[in-house]
Amino acid sequence: MSMVSLDGFFEGLDRDISWHLVDDELHRHFNEQFRATGAFMFGRVTFELMASVWPTAEQDPDLSAPLVEFAGIWRDMPKFVFSRTLTQAGWNTTAIHRRA
């Protein structure tokens, strides 16, 4: 399963992702798909965004069950982050560093 926009970007002007609305039904579907994949691949900015939320997301008492489930999937899944600046990362992640 691959999820990326045609131009490789998800965000609008000023890094706006407010258009990105995923309800619980769609997230349950995504969770099924993610469980069947071997790894997540991210660029640095997306990885840092994900790493700022998912490692401890289930501590939020208002988080829905599908999001709690995704937090576990995200933590457990091997991750690869491609970056020119990041040389190491936590959370079961391999940083693939390339100098410009």
PDB file of N, CA and C in Angstrom:
ATOM      1  N   MET A   1       0.845  -1.168   0.000  1.00  0.00           N
ATOM      2  CA  MET A   1       0.000   0.000   0.000  1.00  0.00           C
ATOM      3  C   MET A   1       0.893   1.235   0.000  1.00  0.00           C
ATOM      4  N   SER A   2       0.590   2.169  -0.835  1.00  0.00           N
ATOM      5  CA  SER A   2       1.350   3.406  -0.906  1.00  0.00           C
ATOM      6  C   SER A   2       0.390   4.576  -0.782  1.00  0.00           C
ATOM      7  N   MET A   3       0.772   5.557   0.016  1.00  0.00           N
ATOM      8  CA  MET A   3      -0.075   6.731   0.188  1.00  0.00           C
ATOM      9  C   MET A   3       0.768   7.980   0.025  1.00  0.00           C
ATOM     10  N   VAL A   4       0.592   8.651  -1.086  1.00  0.00           N
ATOM     11  CA  VAL A   4       1.311   9.885  -1.341  1.00  0.00           C
ATOM     12  C   VAL A   4       0.536  10.655  -2.399  1.00  0.00           C
ATOM     13  N   SER A   5       0.648  11.954  -2.366  1.00  0.00           N
ATOM     14  CA  SER A   5      -0.010  12.741  -3.401  1.00  0.00           C
ATOM     15  C   SER A   5       0.801  12.642  -4.688  1.00  0.00           C
ATOM     16  N   LEU A   6       0.211  12.996  -5.786  1.00  0.00           N
ATOM     17  CA  LEU A   6       0.864  12.887  -7.081  1.00  0.00           C
ATOM     18  C   LEU A   6       2.173  13.660  -7.123  1.00  0.00           C
ATOM     19  N   ASP A   7       2.204  14.828  -6.499  1.00  0.00           N
ATOM     20  CA  ASP A   7       3.430  15.627  -6.505  1.00  0.00           C
ATOM     21  C   ASP A   7       4.346  15.309  -5.325  1.00  0.00           C
ATOM     22  N   GLY A   8       3.960  14.317  -4.498  1.00  0.00           N
ATOM     23  CA  GLY A   8       4.802  13.920  -3.382  1.00  0.00           C
ATOM     24  C   GLY A   8       4.566  14.714  -2.112  1.00  0.00           C
ATOM     25  N   PHE A   9       3.578  15.593  -2.116  1.00  0.00           N
ATOM     26  CA  PHE A   9       3.325  16.437  -0.949  1.00  0.00           C
ATOM     27  C   PHE A   9       1.884  16.275  -0.488  1.00  0.00           C
ATOM     28  N   PHE A  10       1.684  16.362   0.823  1.00  0.00           N
ATOM     29  CA  PHE A  10       0.354  16.281   1.403  1.00  0.00           C
ATOM     30  C   PHE A  10      -0.160  17.647   1.826  1.00  0.00           C
ATOM     31  N   GLU A  11       0.714  18.579   1.998  1.00  0.00           N
ATOM     32  CA  GLU A  11       0.329  19.836   2.636  1.00  0.00           C
ATOM     33  C   GLU A  11       0.064  20.953   1.641  1.00  0.00           C
ATOM     34  N   GLY A  12      -0.719  21.922   2.105  1.00  0.00           N
ATOM     35  CA  GLY A  12      -0.975  23.111   1.325  1.00  0.00           C
ATOM     36  C   GLY A  12      -0.047  24.234   1.738  1.00  0.00           C
ATOM     37  N   LEU A  13      -0.432  25.448   1.448  1.00  0.00           N
ATOM     38  CA  LEU A  13       0.374  26.605   1.821  1.00  0.00           C
ATOM     39  C   LEU A  13       0.570  26.651   3.330  1.00  0.00           C
ATOM     40  N   ASP A  14       1.717  27.096   3.757  1.00  0.00           N
ATOM     41  CA  ASP A  14       2.059  27.208   5.176  1.00  0.00           C
ATOM     42  C   ASP A  14       1.884  25.890   5.922  1.00  0.00           C
ATOM     43  N   ARG A  15       2.164  24.792   5.233  1.00  0.00           N
ATOM     44  CA  ARG A  15       2.086  23.442   5.804  1.00  0.00           C
ATOM     45  C   ARG A  15       0.691  23.079   6.303  1.00  0.00           C
ATOM     46  N   ASP A  16      -0.318  23.629   5.683  1.00  0.00           N
ATOM     47  CA  ASP A  16      -1.699  23.372   6.077  1.00  0.00           C
ATOM     48  C   ASP A  16      -2.111  21.958   5.678  1.00  0.00           C
ATOM     49  N   ILE A  17      -2.573  21.181   6.638  1.00  0.00           N
ATOM     50  CA  ILE A  17      -3.136  19.866   6.344  1.00  0.00           C
ATOM     51  C   ILE A  17      -4.560  19.752   6.907  1.00  0.00           C
ATOM     52  N   SER A  18      -5.228  20.888   7.053  1.00  0.00           N
ATOM     53  CA  SER A  18      -6.575  20.884   7.616  1.00  0.00           C
ATOM     54  C   SER A  18      -7.564  20.117   6.739  1.00  0.00           C
ATOM     55  N   TRP A  19      -7.268  19.949   5.467  1.00  0.00           N
ATOM     56  CA  TRP A  19      -8.130  19.200   4.558  1.00  0.00           C
ATOM     57  C   TRP A  19      -8.103  17.711   4.869  1.00  0.00           C
ATOM     58  N   HIS A  20      -7.084  17.271   5.589  1.00  0.00           N
ATOM     59  CA  HIS A  20      -6.834  15.862   5.843  1.00  0.00           C
ATOM     60  C   HIS A  20      -7.701  15.383   7.007  1.00  0.00           C
ATOM     61  N   LEU A  21      -8.929  14.987   6.705  1.00  0.00           N
ATOM     62  CA  LEU A  21      -9.870  14.551   7.735  1.00  0.00           C
ATOM     63  C   LEU A  21     -10.130  13.057   7.567  1.00  0.00           C
ATOM     64  N   VAL A  22      -9.808  12.303   8.596  1.00  0.00           N
ATOM     65  CA  VAL A  22      -9.993  10.857   8.567  1.00  0.00           C
ATOM     66  C   VAL A  22     -10.886  10.485   9.743  1.00  0.00           C
ATOM     67  N   ASP A  23     -12.064   9.924   9.447  1.00  0.00           N
ATOM     68  CA  ASP A  23     -12.950   9.523  10.534  1.00  0.00           C
ATOM     69  C   ASP A  23     -12.573   8.120  11.027  1.00  0.00           C
ATOM     70  N   ASP A  24     -13.247   7.653  12.080  1.00  0.00           N
ATOM     71  CA  ASP A  24     -12.903   6.360  12.672  1.00  0.00           C
ATOM     72  C   ASP A  24     -13.087   5.199  11.694  1.00  0.00           C
ATOM     73  N   GLU A  25     -14.120   5.252  10.873  1.00  0.00           N
ATOM     74  CA  GLU A  25     -14.349   4.168   9.911  1.00  0.00           C
ATOM     75  C   GLU A  25     -13.178   4.061   8.939  1.00  0.00           C
ATOM     76  N   LEU A  26     -12.733   5.186   8.408  1.00  0.00           N
ATOM     77  CA  LEU A  26     -11.607   5.171   7.480  1.00  0.00           C
ATOM     78  C   LEU A  26     -10.322   4.771   8.195  1.00  0.00           C
ATOM     79  N   HIS A  27     -10.155   5.215   9.433  1.00  0.00           N
ATOM     80  CA  HIS A  27      -8.938   4.847  10.165  1.00  0.00           C
ATOM     81  C   HIS A  27      -8.906   3.350  10.470  1.00  0.00           C
ATOM     82  N   ARG A  28     -10.052   2.743  10.737  1.00  0.00           N
ATOM     83  CA  ARG A  28     -10.084   1.284  10.927  1.00  0.00           C
ATOM     84  C   ARG A  28      -9.618   0.584   9.652  1.00  0.00           C
ATOM     85  N   HIS A  29     -10.062   1.073   8.501  1.00  0.00           N
ATOM     86  CA  HIS A  29      -9.611   0.521   7.217  1.00  0.00           C
ATOM     87  C   HIS A  29      -8.100   0.693   7.058  1.00  0.00           C
ATOM     88  N   PHE A  30      -7.599   1.894   7.331  1.00  0.00           N
ATOM     89  CA  PHE A  30      -6.155   2.133   7.241  1.00  0.00           C
ATOM     90  C   PHE A  30      -5.385   1.193   8.165  1.00  0.00           C
ATOM     91  N   ASN A  31      -5.888   1.009   9.393  1.00  0.00           N
ATOM     92  CA  ASN A  31      -5.197   0.131  10.339  1.00  0.00           C
ATOM     93  C   ASN A  31      -5.083  -1.289   9.781  1.00  0.00           C
ATOM     94  N   GLU A  32      -6.144  -1.791   9.159  1.00  0.00           N
ATOM     95  CA  GLU A  32      -6.087  -3.117   8.534  1.00  0.00           C
ATOM     96  C   GLU A  32      -5.005  -3.157   7.461  1.00  0.00           C
ATOM     97  N   GLN A  33      -4.941  -2.116   6.651  1.00  0.00           N
ATOM     98  CA  GLN A  33      -3.941  -2.048   5.589  1.00  0.00           C
ATOM     99  C   GLN A  33      -2.530  -1.938   6.168  1.00  0.00           C
ATOM    100  N   PHE A  34      -2.356  -1.084   7.168  1.00  0.00           N
ATOM    101  CA  PHE A  34      -1.033  -0.878   7.759  1.00  0.00           C
ATOM    102  C   PHE A  34      -0.501  -2.141   8.414  1.00  0.00           C
ATOM    103  N   ARG A  35      -1.372  -2.919   9.075  1.00  0.00           N
ATOM    104  CA  ARG A  35      -0.928  -4.152   9.730  1.00  0.00           C
ATOM    105  C   ARG A  35      -0.333  -5.128   8.722  1.00  0.00           C
ATOM    106  N   ALA A  36      -0.745  -5.042   7.472  1.00  0.00           N
ATOM    107  CA  ALA A  36      -0.267  -5.963   6.441  1.00  0.00           C
ATOM    108  C   ALA A  36       1.001  -5.470   5.739  1.00  0.00           C
ATOM    109  N   THR A  37       1.483  -4.287   6.091  1.00  0.00           N
ATOM    110  CA  THR A  37       2.680  -3.761   5.436  1.00  0.00           C
ATOM    111  C   THR A  37       3.923  -4.122   6.242  1.00  0.00           C
ATOM    112  N   GLY A  38       5.070  -3.958   5.622  1.00  0.00           N
ATOM    113  CA  GLY A  38       6.316  -4.312   6.282  1.00  0.00           C
ATOM    114  C   GLY A  38       7.004  -3.157   6.972  1.00  0.00           C
ATOM    115  N   ALA A  39       6.732  -1.928   6.536  1.00  0.00           N
ATOM    116  CA  ALA A  39       7.430  -0.772   7.105  1.00  0.00           C
ATOM    117  C   ALA A  39       6.749   0.508   6.644  1.00  0.00           C
ATOM    118  N   PHE A  40       6.989   1.567   7.399  1.00  0.00           N
ATOM    119  CA  PHE A  40       6.595   2.908   6.983  1.00  0.00           C
ATOM    120  C   PHE A  40       7.829   3.604   6.428  1.00  0.00           C
ATOM    121  N   MET A  41       7.668   4.437   5.410  1.00  0.00           N
ATOM    122  CA  MET A  41       8.752   5.256   4.886  1.00  0.00           C
ATOM    123  C   MET A  41       8.300   6.700   4.906  1.00  0.00           C
ATOM    124  N   PHE A  42       9.154   7.561   5.454  1.00  0.00           N
ATOM    125  CA  PHE A  42       8.826   8.972   5.611  1.00  0.00           C
ATOM    126  C   PHE A  42       9.987   9.846   5.178  1.00  0.00           C
ATOM    127  N   GLY A  43       9.675  11.080   4.814  1.00  0.00           N
ATOM    128  CA  GLY A  43      10.675  12.131   4.774  1.00  0.00           C
ATOM    129  C   GLY A  43      10.818  12.666   6.197  1.00  0.00           C
ATOM    130  N   ARG A  44      11.831  13.459   6.446  1.00  0.00           N
ATOM    131  CA  ARG A  44      12.102  13.942   7.793  1.00  0.00           C
ATOM    132  C   ARG A  44      10.951  14.719   8.406  1.00  0.00           C
ATOM    133  N   VAL A  45      10.375  15.648   7.651  1.00  0.00           N
ATOM    134  CA  VAL A  45       9.322  16.499   8.216  1.00  0.00           C
ATOM    135  C   VAL A  45       8.122  15.654   8.639  1.00  0.00           C
ATOM    136  N   THR A  46       7.702  14.739   7.785  1.00  0.00           N
ATOM    137  CA  THR A  46       6.564  13.890   8.141  1.00  0.00           C
ATOM    138  C   THR A  46       6.910  12.990   9.314  1.00  0.00           C
ATOM    139  N   PHE A  47       8.115  12.420   9.316  1.00  0.00           N
ATOM    140  CA  PHE A  47       8.516  11.580  10.435  1.00  0.00           C
ATOM    141  C   PHE A  47       8.483  12.364  11.743  1.00  0.00           C
ATOM    142  N   GLU A  48       9.036  13.558  11.744  1.00  0.00           N
ATOM    143  CA  GLU A  48       9.059  14.351  12.976  1.00  0.00           C
ATOM    144  C   GLU A  48       7.644  14.700  13.435  1.00  0.00           C
ATOM    145  N   LEU A  49       6.747  14.956  12.512  1.00  0.00           N
ATOM    146  CA  LEU A  49       5.350  15.199  12.864  1.00  0.00           C
ATOM    147  C   LEU A  49       4.750  13.950  13.502  1.00  0.00           C
ATOM    148  N   MET A  50       4.931  12.805  12.867  1.00  0.00           N
ATOM    149  CA  MET A  50       4.389  11.554  13.402  1.00  0.00           C
ATOM    150  C   MET A  50       5.001  11.225  14.760  1.00  0.00           C
ATOM    151  N   ALA A  51       6.311  11.421  14.899  1.00  0.00           N
ATOM    152  CA  ALA A  51       6.999  11.104  16.149  1.00  0.00           C
ATOM    153  C   ALA A  51       6.606  12.042  17.281  1.00  0.00           C
ATOM    154  N   SER A  52       6.039  13.183  16.938  1.00  0.00           N
ATOM    155  CA  SER A  52       5.591  14.105  17.991  1.00  0.00           C
ATOM    156  C   SER A  52       4.224  13.712  18.547  1.00  0.00           C
ATOM    157  N   VAL A  53       3.542  12.783  17.902  1.00  0.00           N
ATOM    158  CA  VAL A  53       2.184  12.414  18.313  1.00  0.00           C
ATOM    159  C   VAL A  53       2.067  10.951  18.743  1.00  0.00           C
ATOM    160  N   TRP A  54       2.470  10.014  17.890  1.00  0.00           N
ATOM    161  CA  TRP A  54       2.093   8.613  18.047  1.00  0.00           C
ATOM    162  C   TRP A  54       2.798   7.844  19.151  1.00  0.00           C
ATOM    163  N   PRO A  55       4.004   8.160  19.557  1.00  0.00           N
ATOM    164  CA  PRO A  55       4.624   7.357  20.618  1.00  0.00           C
ATOM    165  C   PRO A  55       3.840   7.340  21.934  1.00  0.00           C
ATOM    166  N   THR A  56       3.132   8.408  22.231  1.00  0.00           N
ATOM    167  CA  THR A  56       2.400   8.485  23.507  1.00  0.00           C
ATOM    168  C   THR A  56       0.929   8.829  23.301  1.00  0.00           C
ATOM    169  N   ALA A  57       0.431   8.676  22.103  1.00  0.00           N
ATOM    170  CA  ALA A  57      -0.921   9.119  21.770  1.00  0.00           C
ATOM    171  C   ALA A  57      -1.994   8.475  22.626  1.00  0.00           C
ATOM    172  N   GLU A  58      -1.818   7.208  22.985  1.00  0.00           N
ATOM    173  CA  GLU A  58      -2.867   6.526  23.727  1.00  0.00           C
ATOM    174  C   GLU A  58      -3.038   7.066  25.144  1.00  0.00           C
ATOM    175  N   GLN A  59      -2.172   7.944  25.591  1.00  0.00           N
ATOM    176  CA  GLN A  59      -2.334   8.582  26.898  1.00  0.00           C
ATOM    177  C   GLN A  59      -3.434   9.641  26.889  1.00  0.00           C
ATOM    178  N   ASP A  60      -3.893  10.029  25.707  1.00  0.00           N
ATOM    179  CA  ASP A  60      -4.983  10.990  25.580  1.00  0.00           C
ATOM    180  C   ASP A  60      -6.304  10.261  25.811  1.00  0.00           C
ATOM    181  N   PRO A  61      -7.025  10.575  26.894  1.00  0.00           N
ATOM    182  CA  PRO A  61      -8.262   9.842  27.194  1.00  0.00           C
ATOM    183  C   PRO A  61      -9.366  10.065  26.163  1.00  0.00           C
ATOM    184  N   ASP A  62      -9.259  11.091  25.341  1.00  0.00           N
ATOM    185  CA  ASP A  62     -10.275  11.373  24.332  1.00  0.00           C
ATOM    186  C   ASP A  62      -9.990  10.714  22.984  1.00  0.00           C
ATOM    187  N   LEU A  63      -8.876   9.998  22.894  1.00  0.00           N
ATOM    188  CA  LEU A  63      -8.500   9.380  21.623  1.00  0.00           C
ATOM    189  C   LEU A  63      -9.419   8.198  21.321  1.00  0.00           C
ATOM    190  N   SER A  64      -9.893   8.112  20.089  1.00  0.00           N
ATOM    191  CA  SER A  64     -10.784   7.017  19.691  1.00  0.00           C
ATOM    192  C   SER A  64     -10.013   5.694  19.640  1.00  0.00           C
ATOM    193  N   ALA A  65     -10.741   4.607  19.719  1.00  0.00           N
ATOM    194  CA  ALA A  65     -10.137   3.270  19.688  1.00  0.00           C
ATOM    195  C   ALA A  65      -9.302   3.031  18.426  1.00  0.00           C
ATOM    196  N   PRO A  66      -9.767   3.426  17.224  1.00  0.00           N
ATOM    197  CA  PRO A  66      -8.927   3.218  16.037  1.00  0.00           C
ATOM    198  C   PRO A  66      -7.609   4.001  16.094  1.00  0.00           C
ATOM    199  N   LEU A  67      -7.616   5.173  16.710  1.00  0.00           N
ATOM    200  CA  LEU A  67      -6.373   5.946  16.822  1.00  0.00           C
ATOM    201  C   LEU A  67      -5.439   5.333  17.857  1.00  0.00           C
ATOM    202  N   VAL A  68      -5.979   4.814  18.945  1.00  0.00           N
ATOM    203  CA  VAL A  68      -5.156   4.100  19.930  1.00  0.00           C
ATOM    204  C   VAL A  68      -4.510   2.887  19.255  1.00  0.00           C
ATOM    205  N   GLU A  69      -5.300   2.178  18.455  1.00  0.00           N
ATOM    206  CA  GLU A  69      -4.778   1.026  17.729  1.00  0.00           C
ATOM    207  C   GLU A  69      -3.664   1.453  16.770  1.00  0.00           C
ATOM    208  N   PHE A  70      -3.862   2.568  16.055  1.00  0.00           N
ATOM    209  CA  PHE A  70      -2.833   3.036  15.134  1.00  0.00           C
ATOM    210  C   PHE A  70      -1.548   3.400  15.873  1.00  0.00           C
ATOM    211  N   ALA A  71      -1.671   3.983  17.051  1.00  0.00           N
ATOM    212  CA  ALA A  71      -0.479   4.339  17.824  1.00  0.00           C
ATOM    213  C   ALA A  71       0.389   3.107  18.060  1.00  0.00           C
ATOM    214  N   GLY A  72      -0.230   1.989  18.402  1.00  0.00           N
ATOM    215  CA  GLY A  72       0.524   0.752  18.589  1.00  0.00           C
ATOM    216  C   GLY A  72       1.134   0.243  17.302  1.00  0.00           C
ATOM    217  N   ILE A  73       0.372   0.313  16.223  1.00  0.00           N
ATOM    218  CA  ILE A  73       0.894  -0.099  14.918  1.00  0.00           C
ATOM    219  C   ILE A  73       2.101   0.760  14.554  1.00  0.00           C
ATOM    220  N   TRP A  74       1.976   2.071  14.745  1.00  0.00           N
ATOM    221  CA  TRP A  74       3.065   2.989  14.384  1.00  0.00           C
ATOM    222  C   TRP A  74       4.322   2.691  15.193  1.00  0.00           C
ATOM    223  N   ARG A  75       4.164   2.498  16.502  1.00  0.00           N
ATOM    224  CA  ARG A  75       5.336   2.234  17.348  1.00  0.00           C
ATOM    225  C   ARG A  75       6.027   0.937  16.962  1.00  0.00           C
ATOM    226  N   ASP A  76       5.239  -0.112  16.693  1.00  0.00           N
ATOM    227  CA  ASP A  76       5.809  -1.432  16.449  1.00  0.00           C
ATOM    228  C   ASP A  76       6.371  -1.611  15.040  1.00  0.00           C
ATOM    229  N   MET A  77       5.837  -0.882  14.091  1.00  0.00           N
ATOM    230  CA  MET A  77       6.226  -1.055  12.693  1.00  0.00           C
ATOM    231  C   MET A  77       7.633  -0.497  12.454  1.00  0.00           C
ATOM    232  N   PRO A  78       8.491  -1.232  11.747  1.00  0.00           N
ATOM    233  CA  PRO A  78       9.772  -0.639  11.351  1.00  0.00           C
ATOM    234  C   PRO A  78       9.513   0.590  10.490  1.00  0.00           C
ATOM    235  N   LYS A  79      10.356   1.603  10.689  1.00  0.00           N
ATOM    236  CA  LYS A  79      10.206   2.848   9.948  1.00  0.00           C
ATOM    237  C   LYS A  79      11.547   3.236   9.340  1.00  0.00           C
ATOM    238  N   PHE A  80      11.485   3.849   8.162  1.00  0.00           N
ATOM    239  CA  PHE A  80      12.663   4.383   7.494  1.00  0.00           C
ATOM    240  C   PHE A  80      12.383   5.848   7.217  1.00  0.00           C
ATOM    241  N   VAL A  81      13.327   6.700   7.600  1.00  0.00           N
ATOM    242  CA  VAL A  81      13.164   8.124   7.353  1.00  0.00           C
ATOM    243  C   VAL A  81      14.331   8.586   6.476  1.00  0.00           C
ATOM    244  N   PHE A  82      13.988   9.240   5.393  1.00  0.00           N
ATOM    245  CA  PHE A  82      14.982   9.736   4.446  1.00  0.00           C
ATOM    246  C   PHE A  82      15.215  11.211   4.722  1.00  0.00           C
ATOM    247  N   SER A  83      16.485  11.574   4.929  1.00  0.00           N
ATOM    248  CA  SER A  83      16.774  12.948   5.316  1.00  0.00           C
ATOM    249  C   SER A  83      18.204  13.326   4.963  1.00  0.00           C
ATOM    250  N   ARG A  84      18.382  14.589   4.663  1.00  0.00           N
ATOM    251  CA  ARG A  84      19.736  15.123   4.477  1.00  0.00           C
ATOM    252  C   ARG A  84      20.304  15.620   5.799  1.00  0.00           C
ATOM    253  N   THR A  85      19.445  15.827   6.800  1.00  0.00           N
ATOM    254  CA  THR A  85      19.908  16.406   8.062  1.00  0.00           C
ATOM    255  C   THR A  85      19.800  15.450   9.245  1.00  0.00           C
ATOM    256  N   LEU A  86      18.845  14.571   9.245  1.00  0.00           N
ATOM    257  CA  LEU A  86      18.639  13.642  10.353  1.00  0.00           C
ATOM    258  C   LEU A  86      19.564  12.444  10.182  1.00  0.00           C
ATOM    259  N   THR A  87      20.342  12.142  11.197  1.00  0.00           N
ATOM    260  CA  THR A  87      21.263  11.008  11.104  1.00  0.00           C
ATOM    261  C   THR A  87      20.855   9.847  11.994  1.00  0.00           C
ATOM    262  N   GLN A  88      19.955  10.084  12.936  1.00  0.00           N
ATOM    263  CA  GLN A  88      19.441   9.005  13.763  1.00  0.00           C
ATOM    264  C   GLN A  88      18.033   9.353  14.226  1.00  0.00           C
ATOM    265  N   ALA A  89      17.284   8.326  14.565  1.00  0.00           N
ATOM    266  CA  ALA A  89      15.900   8.528  14.997  1.00  0.00           C
ATOM    267  C   ALA A  89      15.526   7.384  15.925  1.00  0.00           C
ATOM    268  N   GLY A  90      14.583   7.626  16.798  1.00  0.00           N
ATOM    269  CA  GLY A  90      14.114   6.589  17.714  1.00  0.00           C
ATOM    270  C   GLY A  90      12.886   5.897  17.162  1.00  0.00           C
ATOM    271  N   TRP A  91      12.183   5.223  18.026  1.00  0.00           N
ATOM    272  CA  TRP A  91      10.894   4.600  17.724  1.00  0.00           C
ATOM    273  C   TRP A  91      10.992   3.581  16.597  1.00  0.00           C
ATOM    274  N   ASN A  92      11.970   2.655  16.711  1.00  0.00           N
ATOM    275  CA  ASN A  92      12.060   1.571  15.734  1.00  0.00           C
ATOM    276  C   ASN A  92      12.279   2.120  14.321  1.00  0.00           C
ATOM    277  N   THR A  93      13.127   3.135  14.223  1.00  0.00           N
ATOM    278  CA  THR A  93      13.314   3.862  12.962  1.00  0.00           C
ATOM    279  C   THR A  93      14.768   3.846  12.520  1.00  0.00           C
ATOM    280  N   THR A  94      14.969   3.631  11.241  1.00  0.00           N
ATOM    281  CA  THR A  94      16.287   3.732  10.625  1.00  0.00           C
ATOM    282  C   THR A  94      16.336   5.029   9.834  1.00  0.00           C
ATOM    283  N   ALA A  95      17.296   5.875  10.161  1.00  0.00           N
ATOM    284  CA  ALA A  95      17.488   7.115   9.410  1.00  0.00           C
ATOM    285  C   ALA A  95      18.415   6.824   8.236  1.00  0.00           C
ATOM    286  N   ILE A  96      17.954   7.174   7.065  1.00  0.00           N
ATOM    287  CA  ILE A  96      18.762   7.012   5.864  1.00  0.00           C
ATOM    288  C   ILE A  96      19.229   8.400   5.480  1.00  0.00           C
ATOM    289  N   HIS A  97      20.486   8.645   5.820  1.00  0.00           N
ATOM    290  CA  HIS A  97      21.059   9.989   5.694  1.00  0.00           C
ATOM    291  C   HIS A  97      21.799  10.095   4.362  1.00  0.00           C
ATOM    292  N   ARG A  98      21.481  11.128   3.630  1.00  0.00           N
ATOM    293  CA  ARG A  98      22.171  11.395   2.370  1.00  0.00           C
ATOM    294  C   ARG A  98      22.629  12.843   2.386  1.00  0.00           C
ATOM    295  N   ARG A  99      23.881  13.019   2.165  1.00  0.00           N
ATOM    296  CA  ARG A  99      24.405  14.388   2.085  1.00  0.00           C
ATOM    297  C   ARG A  99      24.032  14.999   0.749  1.00  0.00           C
ATOM    298  N   ALA A 100      23.712  16.281   0.791  1.00  0.00           N
ATOM    299  CA  ALA A 100      23.313  16.983  -0.442  1.00  0.00           C
ATOM    300  C   ALA A 100      24.469  17.132  -1.383  1.00  0.00           C
TER     301      ALA A 100
END
